[in-house]
C-alpha atoms as a PDB file:
ATOM      1  CA  MET A   1      13.809 -16.456   6.360  1.00  0.00           C
ATOM      2  CA  HIS A   2      16.387 -13.734   5.720  1.00  0.00           C
ATOM      3  CA  HIS A   3      13.565 -11.408   4.673  1.00  0.00           C
ATOM      4  CA  ILE A   4      12.527 -11.087   8.327  1.00  0.00           C
ATOM      5  CA  MET A   5      15.457  -8.718   8.747  1.00  0.00           C
ATOM      6  CA  ASN A   6      13.765  -6.432   6.207  1.00  0.00           C
ATOM      7  CA  PHE A   7      10.585  -6.098   8.266  1.00  0.00           C
ATOM      8  CA  ASN A   8       9.779  -2.869  10.020  1.00  0.00           C
ATOM      9  CA  TRP A   9       9.183  -4.220  13.502  1.00  0.00           C
ATOM     10  CA  TRP A  10       7.840  -0.847  14.662  1.00  0.00           C
ATOM     11  CA  ALA A  11       5.191  -1.024  11.941  1.00  0.00           C
ATOM     12  CA  ILE A  12       4.221  -4.520  13.066  1.00  0.00           C
ATOM     13  CA  LEU A  13       3.911  -3.326  16.669  1.00  0.00           C
ATOM     14  CA  VAL A  14       1.943  -0.207  15.674  1.00  0.00           C
ATOM     15  CA  VAL A  15      -0.432  -2.263  13.516  1.00  0.00           C
ATOM     16  CA  THR A  16      -0.967  -4.637  16.451  1.00  0.00           C
ATOM     17  CA  LEU A  17      -1.820  -1.697  18.700  1.00  0.00           C
ATOM     18  CA  ILE A  18      -4.153  -0.245  16.061  1.00  0.00           C
ATOM     19  CA  GLN A  19      -5.991  -3.577  15.845  1.00  0.00           C
ATOM     20  CA  PHE A  20      -6.201  -3.797  19.638  1.00  0.00           C
ATOM     21  CA  PHE A  21      -7.580  -0.290  20.138  1.00  0.00           C
ATOM     22  CA  LEU A  22      -9.837  -0.494  17.092  1.00  0.00           C
ATOM     23  CA  GLY A  23     -11.327  -3.659  18.602  1.00  0.00           C
ATOM     24  CA  ALA A  24     -11.870  -1.884  21.904  1.00  0.00           C
ATOM     25  CA  LEU A  25     -13.593   0.999  20.120  1.00  0.00           C
ATOM     26  CA  TRP A  26     -15.561  -1.308  17.795  1.00  0.00           C
ATOM     27  CA  TYR A  27     -16.958  -3.605  20.471  1.00  0.00           C
ATOM     28  CA  SER A  28     -17.344  -1.155  23.357  1.00  0.00           C
ATOM     29  CA  LEU A  29     -18.610   1.989  21.677  1.00  0.00           C
ATOM     30  CA  LEU A  30     -19.582   1.598  18.039  1.00  0.00           C
ATOM     31  CA  PHE A  31     -21.422  -1.737  18.181  1.00  0.00           C
ATOM     32  CA  ALA A  32     -21.610  -2.468  21.913  1.00  0.00           C
ATOM     33  CA  LYS A  33     -25.393  -2.704  22.229  1.00  0.00           C
ATOM     34  CA  SER A  34     -25.880  -4.849  19.145  1.00  0.00           C
ATOM     35  CA  TRP A  35     -22.909  -7.089  19.891  1.00  0.00           C
ATOM     36  CA  MET A  36     -23.987  -7.610  23.514  1.00  0.00           C
ATOM     37  CA  ALA A  37     -27.548  -8.460  22.506  1.00  0.00           C
ATOM     38  CA  LEU A  38     -26.401 -10.880  19.804  1.00  0.00           C
ATOM     39  CA  THR A  39     -23.910 -12.669  22.073  1.00  0.00           C
ATOM     40  CA  GLY A  40     -26.119 -12.869  25.169  1.00  0.00           C
ATOM     41  CA  HIS A  41     -24.196 -10.356  27.270  1.00  0.00           C
ATOM     42  CA  THR A  42     -26.024  -7.818  29.385  1.00  0.00           C
ATOM     43  CA  LYS A  43     -24.920  -4.387  30.465  1.00  0.00           C
ATOM     44  CA  GLY A  44     -23.339  -4.526  33.886  1.00  0.00           C
ATOM     45  CA  ASP A  45     -22.077  -8.113  33.511  1.00  0.00           C
ATOM     46  CA  LYS A  46     -18.864  -8.468  35.411  1.00  0.00           C
ATOM     47  CA  PRO A  47     -16.380  -9.865  32.885  1.00  0.00           C
ATOM     48  CA  THR A  48     -14.434 -12.900  33.972  1.00  0.00           C
ATOM     49  CA  GLY A  49     -11.076 -13.696  32.459  1.00  0.00           C
ATOM     50  CA  ILE A  50     -10.788 -10.245  30.914  1.00  0.00           C
ATOM     51  CA  VAL A  51      -7.004 -10.063  31.388  1.00  0.00           C
ATOM     52  CA  PHE A  52      -6.526 -13.385  29.598  1.00  0.00           C
ATOM     53  CA  ALA A  53      -8.946 -12.356  26.835  1.00  0.00           C
ATOM     54  CA  MET A  54      -7.226  -9.013  26.281  1.00  0.00           C
ATOM     55  CA  SER A  55      -3.776 -10.622  26.387  1.00  0.00           C
ATOM     56  CA  SER A  56      -4.795 -13.248  23.861  1.00  0.00           C
ATOM     57  CA  SER A  57      -6.276 -10.519  21.664  1.00  0.00           C
ATOM     58  CA  PHE A  58      -2.989  -8.612  21.690  1.00  0.00           C
ATOM     59  CA  ILE A  59      -0.871 -11.721  21.062  1.00  0.00           C
ATOM     60  CA  GLY A  60      -3.223 -12.841  18.283  1.00  0.00           C
ATOM     61  CA  GLY A  61      -2.968  -9.390  16.718  1.00  0.00           C
ATOM     62  CA  LEU A  62       0.822  -9.556  16.907  1.00  0.00           C
ATOM     63  CA  ILE A  63       0.851 -12.937  15.164  1.00  0.00           C
ATOM     64  CA  LEU A  64      -1.631 -11.726  12.543  1.00  0.00           C
ATOM     65  CA  SER A  65       0.475  -8.608  11.893  1.00  0.00           C
ATOM     66  CA  PHE A  66       3.649 -10.671  11.574  1.00  0.00           C
ATOM     67  CA  ILE A  67       2.018 -13.032   9.064  1.00  0.00           C
ATOM     68  CA  LEU A  68       0.449 -10.149   7.131  1.00  0.00           C
ATOM     69  CA  ALA A  69       3.910  -8.546   6.942  1.00  0.00           C
ATOM     70  CA  HIS A  70       5.067 -11.739   5.190  1.00  0.00           C
ATOM     71  CA  VAL A  71       2.223 -11.585   2.678  1.00  0.00           C
ATOM     72  CA  ILE A  72       2.897  -7.879   2.044  1.00  0.00           C
ATOM     73  CA  TYR A  73       6.598  -8.610   1.534  1.00  0.00           C
ATOM     74  CA  TRP A  74       6.015 -11.599  -0.763  1.00  0.00           C
ATOM     75  CA  SER A  75       3.456  -9.702  -2.837  1.00  0.00           C
ATOM     76  CA  GLY A  76       5.734  -6.713  -3.267  1.00  0.00           C
ATOM     77  CA  ALA A  77       2.994  -4.357  -2.069  1.00  0.00           C
ATOM     78  CA  ASN A  78       4.505  -0.962  -1.337  1.00  0.00           C
ATOM     79  CA  THR A  79       1.721   1.557  -1.987  1.00  0.00           C
ATOM     80  CA  VAL A  80      -1.559   2.453  -0.323  1.00  0.00           C
ATOM     81  CA  HIS A  81      -3.587   0.779  -3.087  1.00  0.00           C
ATOM     82  CA  ARG A  82      -1.561  -2.418  -3.023  1.00  0.00           C
ATOM     83  CA  GLY A  83      -1.673  -2.516   0.780  1.00  0.00           C
ATOM     84  CA  LEU A  84      -5.455  -2.120   0.637  1.00  0.00           C
ATOM     85  CA  PHE A  85      -5.686  -4.890  -1.955  1.00  0.00           C
ATOM     86  CA  VAL A  86      -3.566  -7.341   0.053  1.00  0.00           C
ATOM     87  CA  GLY A  87      -5.473  -6.469   3.233  1.00  0.00           C
ATOM     88  CA  PHE A  88      -8.764  -6.989   1.422  1.00  0.00           C
ATOM     89  CA  ILE A  89      -7.930 -10.338  -0.173  1.00  0.00           C
ATOM     90  CA  CYS A  90      -6.488 -11.632   3.108  1.00  0.00           C
ATOM     91  CA  TRP A  91      -9.671 -10.517   4.875  1.00  0.00           C
ATOM     92  CA  LEU A  92     -11.889 -12.081   2.220  1.00  0.00           C
ATOM     93  CA  GLY A  93     -10.092 -15.424   2.151  1.00  0.00           C
ATOM     94  CA  PHE A  94      -8.893 -15.819   5.723  1.00  0.00           C
ATOM     95  CA  MET A  95     -11.513 -13.937   7.747  1.00  0.00           C
ATOM     96  CA  ALA A  96     -14.822 -13.426   5.936  1.00  0.00           C
ATOM     97  CA  ALA A  97     -15.112 -16.836   4.287  1.00  0.00           C
ATOM     98  CA  PRO A  98     -14.515 -18.896   7.446  1.00  0.00           C
ATOM     99  CA  LEU A  99     -16.573 -16.516   9.613  1.00  0.00           C
ATOM    100  CA  PHE A 100     -19.475 -16.799   7.162  1.00  0.00           C
ATOM    101  CA  ALA A 101     -19.359 -20.598   7.233  1.00  0.00           C
ATOM    102  CA  GLU A 102     -19.062 -20.565  11.024  1.00  0.00           C
ATOM    103  CA  THR A 103     -22.065 -18.236  11.233  1.00  0.00           C
ATOM    104  CA  ASN A 104     -24.119 -20.682   9.178  1.00  0.00           C
ATOM    105  CA  TYR A 105     -23.014 -23.786  11.077  1.00  0.00           C
ATOM    106  CA  GLU A 106     -23.644 -22.167  14.448  1.00  0.00           C
ATOM    107  CA  LYS A 107     -26.908 -20.603  13.236  1.00  0.00           C
ATOM    108  CA  ARG A 108     -25.781 -17.204  14.420  1.00  0.00           C
ATOM    109  CA  PRO A 109     -27.426 -13.999  13.218  1.00  0.00           C
ATOM    110  CA  TYR A 110     -25.959 -12.425  10.092  1.00  0.00           C
ATOM    111  CA  LYS A 111     -25.863  -9.134  11.947  1.00  0.00           C
ATOM    112  CA  LEU A 112     -23.214 -10.653  14.245  1.00  0.00           C
ATOM    113  CA  PHE A 113     -21.302 -11.786  11.160  1.00  0.00           C
ATOM    114  CA  ALA A 114     -21.480  -8.224   9.838  1.00  0.00           C
ATOM    115  CA  ILE A 115     -20.169  -6.753  13.106  1.00  0.00           C
ATOM    116  CA  ASN A 116     -17.325  -9.248  13.466  1.00  0.00           C
ATOM    117  CA  SER A 117     -16.275  -9.376   9.829  1.00  0.00           C
ATOM    118  CA  GLY A 118     -16.644  -5.601   9.570  1.00  0.00           C
ATOM    119  CA  TYR A 119     -14.116  -5.170  12.359  1.00  0.00           C
ATOM    120  CA  TRP A 120     -11.704  -7.494  10.583  1.00  0.00           C
ATOM    121  CA  LEU A 121     -12.229  -5.753   7.245  1.00  0.00           C
ATOM    122  CA  VAL A 122     -11.357  -2.324   8.648  1.00  0.00           C
ATOM    123  CA  SER A 123      -8.498  -3.803  10.654  1.00  0.00           C
ATOM    124  CA  MET A 124      -6.995  -5.664   7.698  1.00  0.00           C
ATOM    125  CA  LEU A 125      -7.312  -2.673   5.362  1.00  0.00           C
ATOM    126  CA  ILE A 126      -5.532  -0.373   7.825  1.00  0.00           C
ATOM    127  CA  SER A 127      -2.926  -3.028   8.584  1.00  0.00           C
ATOM    128  CA  GLY A 128      -2.272  -3.685   4.907  1.00  0.00           C
ATOM    129  CA  VAL A 129      -1.712  -0.006   4.183  1.00  0.00           C
ATOM    130  CA  VAL A 130       0.571   0.588   7.166  1.00  0.00           C
ATOM    131  CA  LEU A 131       2.671  -2.503   6.531  1.00  0.00           C
ATOM    132  CA  ALA A 132       2.958  -1.816   2.800  1.00  0.00           C
ATOM    133  CA  CYS A 133       3.889   1.850   3.117  1.00  0.00           C
ATOM    134  CA  TRP A 134       5.932   2.016   6.327  1.00  0.00           C
ATOM    135  CA  ARG A 135       9.107   0.219   5.390  1.00  0.00           C
END
């Protein structure tokens, strides 16, 4: 675990914030109407538990960033292209594959899969690049 001392903790925090704000942009502006329709939300719904949801989103992003920093370190990725590659394969194996299966089991629309997995793809690509290059 001595490699943890080699992590750029600022990069991990910045990547977490990028994921958090990208999610806010993704689900409130870019795909708000589609996402709300597909998940049964209606405009004007008063959100309950929003503080807990946002807190868990930030903490989950922090954990994800910390784990991705491990994968970046172990892979030796230190360029934009390698960061993109690690971000992509982590997205494909750890996000897209389980989300696709979940979509099929829960009989959810593939459009919802596209919105959710699209967010994670962009997030993981950005995160991979930042963590690989900002040492």
